[in-house]
Amino acid sequence: MNIENNTILITGGSRGIGLEMAKQFAKKNNKVIITGRDEQKLQKSVENLDNVSAIQSDVSNPDQIEKLYQQVVEDCPELNIVINNAGLMETINLRDNTRTALELTREIDVNLKGTIIMNNVFLPHLKQKNNAAIVNVSSGLAFVPHPIAPVYCATKAAIHSYTLSLRIQLKNTNIKVFELAPPLTQTEMLDAFNDEDIQGVPIAPVEEMVAAFIKALSKDTYEIRIGIANQLKFMSRFFPNFILKQLSKSVNNMQSG
């Protein structure tokens, strides 16, 4: 995969992994567009970045995705890579059934439905481009769940399965389909956990994680598992009960509170 001189759209790009992707891709002479729900955060994120622009858009809203598509293909018709990075993670005590239906499923709306709808809307445009690619961001927790984040993990497992199918269905097109399964990474998403929840788990610096992703992308590694995410897939295949038990310890703390 050529990782230079592209036009790249990154959802969830105002912070964390998405913003770091924008920074590193921009340094490789790519034109980058980031999206997010918060207009102020977006504009602040791009203030000091060259080759990076921002468009407010919420991937949980199909109408906004369609509006985003119309704006991007008009302003940046050379767009050839879409990175579905927008995501939410929440710890949820399933025994405490006080959350509304909307609250329980908003991770599904952003993480899963947002990715599927984005790809559906942008696919006709990408089919016309050379060096075209879709990158779906899942997680090391796609392979084994962390039980205190049940909906998040379910959405990432679904993203993994969906990406496998999408890759096969697009194999005779010009579009390459990649999956990035990051490890636990030093971003704001860690705020969802208490210290006890992630005790002993290695946390990847976001700069190093994104650099490893871009390197793997350049080598056409279609399932990019970084750090402990690679180990989680291995463990889920050969020692599934052991690894699930290890990740289940913090449930007791959650439910005793």
C-alpha atoms as a PDB file:
ATOM      1  CA  MET A   1       0.000   0.000   0.000  1.00  0.00           C
ATOM      2  CA  ASN A   2       1.385   3.374  -0.971  1.00  0.00           C
ATOM      3  CA  ILE A   3       1.263   5.507   2.184  1.00  0.00           C
ATOM      4  CA  GLU A   4       2.249   8.796   0.560  1.00  0.00           C
ATOM      5  CA  ASN A   5       0.378  11.315  -1.608  1.00  0.00           C
ATOM      6  CA  ASN A   6      -3.067  10.078  -0.630  1.00  0.00           C
ATOM      7  CA  THR A   7      -6.210  11.874   0.481  1.00  0.00           C
ATOM      8  CA  ILE A   8      -7.346  10.260   3.722  1.00  0.00           C
ATOM      9  CA  LEU A   9     -10.552  10.635   5.728  1.00  0.00           C
ATOM     10  CA  ILE A  10     -10.284   9.693   9.412  1.00  0.00           C
ATOM     11  CA  THR A  11     -13.386   9.549  11.605  1.00  0.00           C
ATOM     12  CA  GLY A  12     -12.967  10.302  15.289  1.00  0.00           C
ATOM     13  CA  GLY A  13      -9.916  12.369  14.470  1.00  0.00           C
ATOM     14  CA  SER A  14     -10.052  15.147  17.054  1.00  0.00           C
ATOM     15  CA  ARG A  15      -8.053  13.235  19.662  1.00  0.00           C
ATOM     16  CA  GLY A  16      -6.292  10.004  20.527  1.00  0.00           C
ATOM     17  CA  ILE A  17      -5.443   7.475  17.851  1.00  0.00           C
ATOM     18  CA  GLY A  18      -7.302   9.342  15.107  1.00  0.00           C
ATOM     19  CA  LEU A  19      -5.470  12.607  15.712  1.00  0.00           C
ATOM     20  CA  GLU A  20      -2.101  10.870  15.882  1.00  0.00           C
ATOM     21  CA  MET A  21      -2.891   9.128  12.590  1.00  0.00           C
ATOM     22  CA  ALA A  22      -3.639  12.514  11.055  1.00  0.00           C
ATOM     23  CA  LYS A  23      -0.331  13.940  12.280  1.00  0.00           C
ATOM     24  CA  GLN A  24       1.778  11.047  11.023  1.00  0.00           C
ATOM     25  CA  PHE A  25       0.025  10.689   7.673  1.00  0.00           C
ATOM     26  CA  ALA A  26       0.285  14.443   7.072  1.00  0.00           C
ATOM     27  CA  LYS A  27       4.056  14.246   7.544  1.00  0.00           C
ATOM     28  CA  LYS A  28       4.154  11.717   4.685  1.00  0.00           C
ATOM     29  CA  ASN A  29       2.736  14.231   2.217  1.00  0.00           C
ATOM     30  CA  ASN A  30      -0.846  13.040   2.532  1.00  0.00           C
ATOM     31  CA  LYS A  31      -3.857  15.311   2.619  1.00  0.00           C
ATOM     32  CA  VAL A  32      -5.919  14.416   5.690  1.00  0.00           C
ATOM     33  CA  ILE A  33      -9.513  15.196   6.662  1.00  0.00           C
ATOM     34  CA  ILE A  34     -10.607  14.439  10.217  1.00  0.00           C
ATOM     35  CA  THR A  35     -14.149  14.270  11.528  1.00  0.00           C
ATOM     36  CA  GLY A  36     -15.749  14.298  14.947  1.00  0.00           C
ATOM     37  CA  ARG A  37     -18.818  15.424  16.818  1.00  0.00           C
ATOM     38  CA  ASP A  38     -17.310  18.436  18.610  1.00  0.00           C
ATOM     39  CA  GLU A  39     -16.620  21.355  16.251  1.00  0.00           C
ATOM     40  CA  GLN A  40     -14.462  23.240  18.774  1.00  0.00           C
ATOM     41  CA  LYS A  41     -12.251  20.239  19.513  1.00  0.00           C
ATOM     42  CA  LEU A  42     -11.845  19.590  15.797  1.00  0.00           C
ATOM     43  CA  GLN A  43     -10.764  23.103  14.981  1.00  0.00           C
ATOM     44  CA  LYS A  44      -8.364  23.210  17.936  1.00  0.00           C
ATOM     45  CA  SER A  45      -6.869  19.901  16.818  1.00  0.00           C
ATOM     46  CA  VAL A  46      -5.955  21.165  13.360  1.00  0.00           C
ATOM     47  CA  GLU A  47      -4.754  24.649  14.340  1.00  0.00           C
ATOM     48  CA  ASN A  48      -1.052  23.841  14.071  1.00  0.00           C
ATOM     49  CA  LEU A  49      -1.185  20.978  11.574  1.00  0.00           C
ATOM     50  CA  ASP A  50      -0.280  21.269   7.913  1.00  0.00           C
ATOM     51  CA  ASN A  51      -2.271  19.287   5.329  1.00  0.00           C
ATOM     52  CA  VAL A  52      -5.017  18.494   7.860  1.00  0.00           C
ATOM     53  CA  SER A  53      -8.560  19.882   7.732  1.00  0.00           C
ATOM     54  CA  ALA A  54     -11.659  19.157   9.809  1.00  0.00           C
ATOM     55  CA  ILE A  55     -15.361  18.579   9.163  1.00  0.00           C
ATOM     56  CA  GLN A  56     -17.900  18.216  11.956  1.00  0.00           C
ATOM     57  CA  SER A  57     -19.792  14.947  11.531  1.00  0.00           C
ATOM     58  CA  ASP A  58     -21.320  12.332  13.824  1.00  0.00           C
ATOM     59  CA  VAL A  59     -21.007   8.770  12.483  1.00  0.00           C
ATOM     60  CA  SER A  60     -23.955   7.646  14.587  1.00  0.00           C
ATOM     61  CA  ASN A  61     -26.198   9.841  12.419  1.00  0.00           C
ATOM     62  CA  PRO A  62     -26.780   8.439   8.884  1.00  0.00           C
ATOM     63  CA  ASP A  63     -27.939  11.814   7.585  1.00  0.00           C
ATOM     64  CA  GLN A  64     -24.701  13.433   8.713  1.00  0.00           C
ATOM     65  CA  ILE A  65     -22.687  10.669   7.024  1.00  0.00           C
ATOM     66  CA  GLU A  66     -24.491  11.371   3.761  1.00  0.00           C
ATOM     67  CA  LYS A  67     -23.859  15.096   4.163  1.00  0.00           C
ATOM     68  CA  LEU A  68     -20.191  14.378   4.897  1.00  0.00           C
ATOM     69  CA  TYR A  69     -19.931  12.292   1.748  1.00  0.00           C
ATOM     70  CA  GLN A  70     -21.383  15.030  -0.423  1.00  0.00           C
ATOM     71  CA  GLN A  71     -19.002  17.631   1.023  1.00  0.00           C
ATOM     72  CA  VAL A  72     -15.876  15.464   0.822  1.00  0.00           C
ATOM     73  CA  VAL A  73     -16.351  14.242  -2.739  1.00  0.00           C
ATOM     74  CA  GLU A  74     -17.042  17.808  -3.850  1.00  0.00           C
ATOM     75  CA  ASP A  75     -14.130  19.432  -1.999  1.00  0.00           C
ATOM     76  CA  CYS A  76     -11.682  16.498  -2.158  1.00  0.00           C
ATOM     77  CA  PRO A  77     -12.629  14.305  -5.133  1.00  0.00           C
ATOM     78  CA  GLU A  78      -9.211  12.627  -4.945  1.00  0.00           C
ATOM     79  CA  LEU A  79     -10.169  10.929  -1.633  1.00  0.00           C
ATOM     80  CA  ASN A  80      -8.935   7.330  -1.758  1.00  0.00           C
ATOM     81  CA  ILE A  81      -8.627   6.089   1.849  1.00  0.00           C
ATOM     82  CA  VAL A  82     -11.282   5.948   4.571  1.00  0.00           C
ATOM     83  CA  ILE A  83     -10.244   5.081   8.130  1.00  0.00           C
ATOM     84  CA  ASN A  84     -13.144   4.207  10.419  1.00  0.00           C
ATOM     85  CA  ASN A  85     -11.652   5.132  13.761  1.00  0.00           C
ATOM     86  CA  ALA A  86     -14.529   6.790  15.661  1.00  0.00           C
ATOM     87  CA  GLY A  87     -15.354   4.843  18.785  1.00  0.00           C
ATOM     88  CA  LEU A  88     -16.816   4.931  22.273  1.00  0.00           C
ATOM     89  CA  MET A  89     -15.909   2.745  25.232  1.00  0.00           C
ATOM     90  CA  GLU A  90     -17.960   2.561  28.404  1.00  0.00           C
ATOM     91  CA  THR A  91     -17.783   0.306  31.433  1.00  0.00           C
ATOM     92  CA  ILE A  92     -21.266  -1.053  32.073  1.00  0.00           C
ATOM     93  CA  ASN A  93     -22.599  -3.033  35.020  1.00  0.00           C
ATOM     94  CA  LEU A  94     -25.218  -5.218  33.345  1.00  0.00           C
ATOM     95  CA  ARG A  95     -26.767  -6.073  36.699  1.00  0.00           C
ATOM     96  CA  ASP A  96     -27.661  -2.423  37.196  1.00  0.00           C
ATOM     97  CA  ASN A  97     -30.455  -2.006  34.692  1.00  0.00           C
ATOM     98  CA  THR A  98     -30.965   1.740  35.139  1.00  0.00           C
ATOM     99  CA  ARG A  99     -29.611   2.757  31.727  1.00  0.00           C
ATOM    100  CA  THR A 100     -32.012   3.648  28.950  1.00  0.00           C
ATOM    101  CA  ALA A 101     -32.084   1.699  25.713  1.00  0.00           C
ATOM    102  CA  LEU A 102     -30.326   4.585  23.947  1.00  0.00           C
ATOM    103  CA  GLU A 103     -27.582   4.675  26.565  1.00  0.00           C
ATOM    104  CA  LEU A 104     -27.046   0.926  26.337  1.00  0.00           C
ATOM    105  CA  THR A 105     -26.709   0.915  22.559  1.00  0.00           C
ATOM    106  CA  ARG A 106     -24.846   4.130  21.744  1.00  0.00           C
ATOM    107  CA  GLU A 107     -21.558   2.217  21.421  1.00  0.00           C
ATOM    108  CA  ILE A 108     -23.265   0.083  18.786  1.00  0.00           C
ATOM    109  CA  ASP A 109     -24.431   3.201  16.944  1.00  0.00           C
ATOM    110  CA  VAL A 110     -20.930   4.710  16.811  1.00  0.00           C
ATOM    111  CA  ASN A 111     -18.535   1.770  16.740  1.00  0.00           C
ATOM    112  CA  LEU A 112     -20.448  -0.696  14.584  1.00  0.00           C
ATOM    113  CA  LYS A 113     -23.290   0.986  12.713  1.00  0.00           C
ATOM    114  CA  GLY A 114     -21.169   4.052  12.034  1.00  0.00           C
ATOM    115  CA  THR A 115     -18.453   1.946  10.406  1.00  0.00           C
ATOM    116  CA  ILE A 116     -20.883  -0.059   8.304  1.00  0.00           C
ATOM    117  CA  ILE A 117     -22.789   2.991   7.081  1.00  0.00           C
ATOM    118  CA  MET A 118     -19.608   4.971   6.347  1.00  0.00           C
ATOM    119  CA  ASN A 119     -18.317   2.162   4.169  1.00  0.00           C
ATOM    120  CA  ASN A 120     -21.630   1.766   2.395  1.00  0.00           C
ATOM    121  CA  VAL A 121     -21.841   5.458   1.559  1.00  0.00           C
ATOM    122  CA  PHE A 122     -18.214   5.928   0.454  1.00  0.00           C
ATOM    123  CA  LEU A 123     -17.823   2.631  -1.406  1.00  0.00           C
ATOM    124  CA  PRO A 124     -19.010   3.848  -4.840  1.00  0.00           C
ATOM    125  CA  HIS A 125     -16.471   6.679  -4.736  1.00  0.00           C
ATOM    126  CA  LEU A 126     -13.594   4.482  -3.572  1.00  0.00           C
ATOM    127  CA  LYS A 127     -14.252   1.977  -6.376  1.00  0.00           C
ATOM    128  CA  GLN A 128     -13.198   4.664  -8.834  1.00  0.00           C
ATOM    129  CA  LYS A 129      -9.823   5.355  -7.215  1.00  0.00           C
ATOM    130  CA  ASN A 130      -6.406   3.778  -7.489  1.00  0.00           C
ATOM    131  CA  ASN A 131      -4.594   2.829  -4.292  1.00  0.00           C
ATOM    132  CA  ALA A 132      -7.967   2.787  -2.531  1.00  0.00           C
ATOM    133  CA  ALA A 133      -8.371   1.412   0.957  1.00  0.00           C
ATOM    134  CA  ILE A 134     -10.746   1.029   3.867  1.00  0.00           C
ATOM    135  CA  VAL A 135      -9.344   0.665   7.376  1.00  0.00           C
ATOM    136  CA  ASN A 136     -11.689  -0.519  10.121  1.00  0.00           C
ATOM    137  CA  VAL A 137     -10.375  -0.024  13.648  1.00  0.00           C
ATOM    138  CA  SER A 138     -11.320  -2.857  15.971  1.00  0.00           C
ATOM    139  CA  SER A 139      -9.370  -3.723  19.139  1.00  0.00           C
ATOM    140  CA  GLY A 140      -7.375  -6.436  20.811  1.00  0.00           C
ATOM    141  CA  LEU A 141     -10.617  -6.892  22.758  1.00  0.00           C
ATOM    142  CA  ALA A 142     -12.267  -8.069  19.545  1.00  0.00           C
ATOM    143  CA  PHE A 143     -10.696 -11.469  20.238  1.00  0.00           C
ATOM    144  CA  VAL A 144     -11.476 -11.806  23.942  1.00  0.00           C
ATOM    145  CA  PRO A 145     -13.864  -9.571  25.903  1.00  0.00           C
ATOM    146  CA  HIS A 146     -13.041  -7.436  28.904  1.00  0.00           C
ATOM    147  CA  PRO A 147     -16.314  -8.134  30.769  1.00  0.00           C
ATOM    148  CA  ILE A 148     -16.585  -4.691  32.373  1.00  0.00           C
ATOM    149  CA  ALA A 149     -16.930  -3.188  28.856  1.00  0.00           C
ATOM    150  CA  PRO A 150     -19.390  -5.690  27.381  1.00  0.00           C
ATOM    151  CA  VAL A 151     -20.984  -3.623  24.623  1.00  0.00           C
ATOM    152  CA  TYR A 152     -17.698  -2.116  23.454  1.00  0.00           C
ATOM    153  CA  CYS A 153     -16.105  -5.546  23.185  1.00  0.00           C
ATOM    154  CA  ALA A 154     -19.142  -6.917  21.357  1.00  0.00           C
ATOM    155  CA  THR A 155     -18.952  -4.108  18.801  1.00  0.00           C
ATOM    156  CA  LYS A 156     -15.251  -4.705  18.193  1.00  0.00           C
ATOM    157  CA  ALA A 157     -15.782  -8.451  17.766  1.00  0.00           C
ATOM    158  CA  ALA A 158     -18.486  -7.588  15.247  1.00  0.00           C
ATOM    159  CA  ILE A 159     -16.138  -5.180  13.437  1.00  0.00           C
ATOM    160  CA  HIS A 160     -13.568  -7.981  13.137  1.00  0.00           C
ATOM    161  CA  SER A 161     -16.132 -10.383  11.670  1.00  0.00           C
ATOM    162  CA  TYR A 162     -17.599  -7.728   9.366  1.00  0.00           C
ATOM    163  CA  THR A 163     -14.149  -6.763   8.087  1.00  0.00           C
ATOM    164  CA  LEU A 164     -13.337 -10.361   7.178  1.00  0.00           C
ATOM    165  CA  SER A 165     -16.508 -10.507   5.092  1.00  0.00           C
ATOM    166  CA  LEU A 166     -15.980  -7.082   3.539  1.00  0.00           C
ATOM    167  CA  ARG A 167     -12.444  -8.003   2.486  1.00  0.00           C
ATOM    168  CA  ILE A 168     -13.659 -11.134   0.727  1.00  0.00           C
ATOM    169  CA  GLN A 169     -16.527  -9.352  -0.997  1.00  0.00           C
ATOM    170  CA  LEU A 170     -14.198  -6.634  -2.303  1.00  0.00           C
ATOM    171  CA  LYS A 171     -11.341  -8.942  -3.314  1.00  0.00           C
ATOM    172  CA  ASN A 172     -11.968  -8.408  -7.044  1.00  0.00           C
ATOM    173  CA  THR A 173     -12.060  -4.620  -6.742  1.00  0.00           C
ATOM    174  CA  ASN A 174      -9.317  -2.022  -6.425  1.00  0.00           C
ATOM    175  CA  ILE A 175     -10.135  -1.485  -2.723  1.00  0.00           C
ATOM    176  CA  LYS A 176      -7.908  -3.025  -0.079  1.00  0.00           C
ATOM    177  CA  VAL A 177      -9.589  -3.723   3.266  1.00  0.00           C
ATOM    178  CA  PHE A 178      -7.512  -3.488   6.432  1.00  0.00           C
ATOM    179  CA  GLU A 179      -8.271  -4.042  10.090  1.00  0.00           C
ATOM    180  CA  LEU A 180      -6.312  -2.330  12.848  1.00  0.00           C
ATOM    181  CA  ALA A 181      -6.587  -4.040  16.237  1.00  0.00           C
ATOM    182  CA  PRO A 182      -4.782  -1.720  18.658  1.00  0.00           C
ATOM    183  CA  PRO A 183      -3.638  -2.750  22.114  1.00  0.00           C
ATOM    184  CA  LEU A 184      -4.517  -0.685  25.150  1.00  0.00           C
ATOM    185  CA  THR A 185      -3.160   2.686  24.065  1.00  0.00           C
ATOM    186  CA  GLN A 186      -2.313   5.850  25.957  1.00  0.00           C
ATOM    187  CA  THR A 187      -5.319   7.960  24.979  1.00  0.00           C
ATOM    188  CA  GLU A 188      -8.335   9.555  26.644  1.00  0.00           C
ATOM    189  CA  MET A 189     -10.197   6.252  26.254  1.00  0.00           C
ATOM    190  CA  LEU A 190      -8.285   4.952  29.270  1.00  0.00           C
ATOM    191  CA  ASP A 191     -10.489   7.237  31.374  1.00  0.00           C
ATOM    192  CA  ALA A 192     -13.181   4.550  31.138  1.00  0.00           C
ATOM    193  CA  PHE A 193     -11.121   2.309  33.430  1.00  0.00           C
ATOM    194  CA  ASN A 194     -10.052   2.435  37.060  1.00  0.00           C
ATOM    195  CA  ASP A 195      -6.421   1.698  37.839  1.00  0.00           C
ATOM    196  CA  GLU A 196      -7.386  -1.772  39.099  1.00  0.00           C
ATOM    197  CA  ASP A 197      -9.089  -2.600  35.791  1.00  0.00           C
ATOM    198  CA  ILE A 198      -5.872  -2.311  33.796  1.00  0.00           C
ATOM    199  CA  GLN A 199      -3.320  -3.241  36.435  1.00  0.00           C
ATOM    200  CA  GLY A 200      -0.433  -5.145  34.860  1.00  0.00           C
ATOM    201  CA  VAL A 201      -1.621  -4.516  31.295  1.00  0.00           C
ATOM    202  CA  PRO A 202       1.018  -2.890  29.064  1.00  0.00           C
ATOM    203  CA  ILE A 203      -0.112   0.449  27.649  1.00  0.00           C
ATOM    204  CA  ALA A 204       1.255   1.437  24.248  1.00  0.00           C
ATOM    205  CA  PRO A 205       2.325   5.041  23.588  1.00  0.00           C
ATOM    206  CA  VAL A 206       0.001   6.344  20.905  1.00  0.00           C
ATOM    207  CA  GLU A 207       2.872   7.620  18.728  1.00  0.00           C
ATOM    208  CA  GLU A 208       4.540   4.189  18.649  1.00  0.00           C
ATOM    209  CA  MET A 209       1.276   2.354  18.044  1.00  0.00           C
ATOM    210  CA  VAL A 210       0.322   4.542  15.069  1.00  0.00           C
ATOM    211  CA  ALA A 211       3.832   4.322  13.606  1.00  0.00           C
ATOM    212  CA  ALA A 212       3.601   0.518  13.777  1.00  0.00           C
ATOM    213  CA  PHE A 213       0.189   0.659  12.093  1.00  0.00           C
ATOM    214  CA  ILE A 214       1.438   2.782   9.200  1.00  0.00           C
ATOM    215  CA  LYS A 215       4.454   0.524   8.717  1.00  0.00           C
ATOM    216  CA  ALA A 216       2.219  -2.569   8.576  1.00  0.00           C
ATOM    217  CA  LEU A 217      -0.163  -0.784   6.204  1.00  0.00           C
ATOM    218  CA  SER A 218       2.711  -0.075   3.822  1.00  0.00           C
ATOM    219  CA  LYS A 219       3.461  -3.808   3.755  1.00  0.00           C
ATOM    220  CA  ASP A 220      -0.149  -4.789   2.979  1.00  0.00           C
ATOM    221  CA  THR A 221      -0.666  -6.518   6.310  1.00  0.00           C
ATOM    222  CA  TYR A 222      -4.427  -6.809   6.164  1.00  0.00           C
ATOM    223  CA  GLU A 223      -5.034  -7.734   9.816  1.00  0.00           C
ATOM    224  CA  ILE A 224      -2.785  -5.429  11.816  1.00  0.00           C
ATOM    225  CA  ARG A 225      -2.540  -6.606  15.413  1.00  0.00           C
ATOM    226  CA  ILE A 226      -0.125  -4.591  17.529  1.00  0.00           C
ATOM    227  CA  GLY A 227       1.511  -5.531  20.803  1.00  0.00           C
ATOM    228  CA  ILE A 228      -0.744  -7.273  23.273  1.00  0.00           C
ATOM    229  CA  ALA A 229      -3.560  -7.389  20.694  1.00  0.00           C
ATOM    230  CA  ASN A 230      -1.549 -10.027  18.856  1.00  0.00           C
ATOM    231  CA  GLN A 231      -1.153 -11.998  22.070  1.00  0.00           C
ATOM    232  CA  LEU A 232      -4.866 -11.738  22.852  1.00  0.00           C
ATOM    233  CA  LYS A 233      -5.772 -13.348  19.541  1.00  0.00           C
ATOM    234  CA  PHE A 234      -3.321 -16.168  20.181  1.00  0.00           C
ATOM    235  CA  MET A 235      -4.578 -16.675  23.734  1.00  0.00           C
ATOM    236  CA  SER A 236      -8.211 -16.612  22.628  1.00  0.00           C
ATOM    237  CA  ARG A 237      -7.538 -19.516  20.284  1.00  0.00           C
ATOM    238  CA  PHE A 238      -5.466 -21.736  22.549  1.00  0.00           C
ATOM    239  CA  PHE A 239      -6.254 -20.640  26.125  1.00  0.00           C
ATOM    240  CA  PRO A 240      -9.665 -18.935  25.926  1.00  0.00           C
ATOM    241  CA  ASN A 241     -10.868 -19.766  29.438  1.00  0.00           C
ATOM    242  CA  PHE A 242      -7.624 -18.669  31.063  1.00  0.00           C
ATOM    243  CA  ILE A 243      -7.456 -15.270  29.380  1.00  0.00           C
ATOM    244  CA  LEU A 244     -11.164 -14.570  29.978  1.00  0.00           C
ATOM    245  CA  LYS A 245     -10.714 -15.411  33.647  1.00  0.00           C
ATOM    246  CA  GLN A 246      -7.793 -12.987  33.872  1.00  0.00           C
ATOM    247  CA  LEU A 247      -9.820 -10.192  32.298  1.00  0.00           C
ATOM    248  CA  SER A 248     -12.841 -10.921  34.512  1.00  0.00           C
ATOM    249  CA  LYS A 249     -11.232 -10.063  37.851  1.00  0.00           C
ATOM    250  CA  SER A 250     -12.307  -6.418  37.825  1.00  0.00           C
ATOM    251  CA  VAL A 251     -16.007  -7.352  37.540  1.00  0.00           C
ATOM    252  CA  ASN A 252     -16.083  -8.047  41.255  1.00  0.00           C
ATOM    253  CA  ASN A 253     -14.891  -4.534  42.000  1.00  0.00           C
ATOM    254  CA  MET A 254     -17.510  -3.068  39.673  1.00  0.00           C
ATOM    255  CA  GLN A 255     -20.405  -5.000  41.186  1.00  0.00           C
ATOM    256  CA  SER A 256     -19.373  -4.527  44.805  1.00  0.00           C
ATOM    257  CA  GLY A 257     -19.521  -0.754  44.502  1.00  0.00           C
END
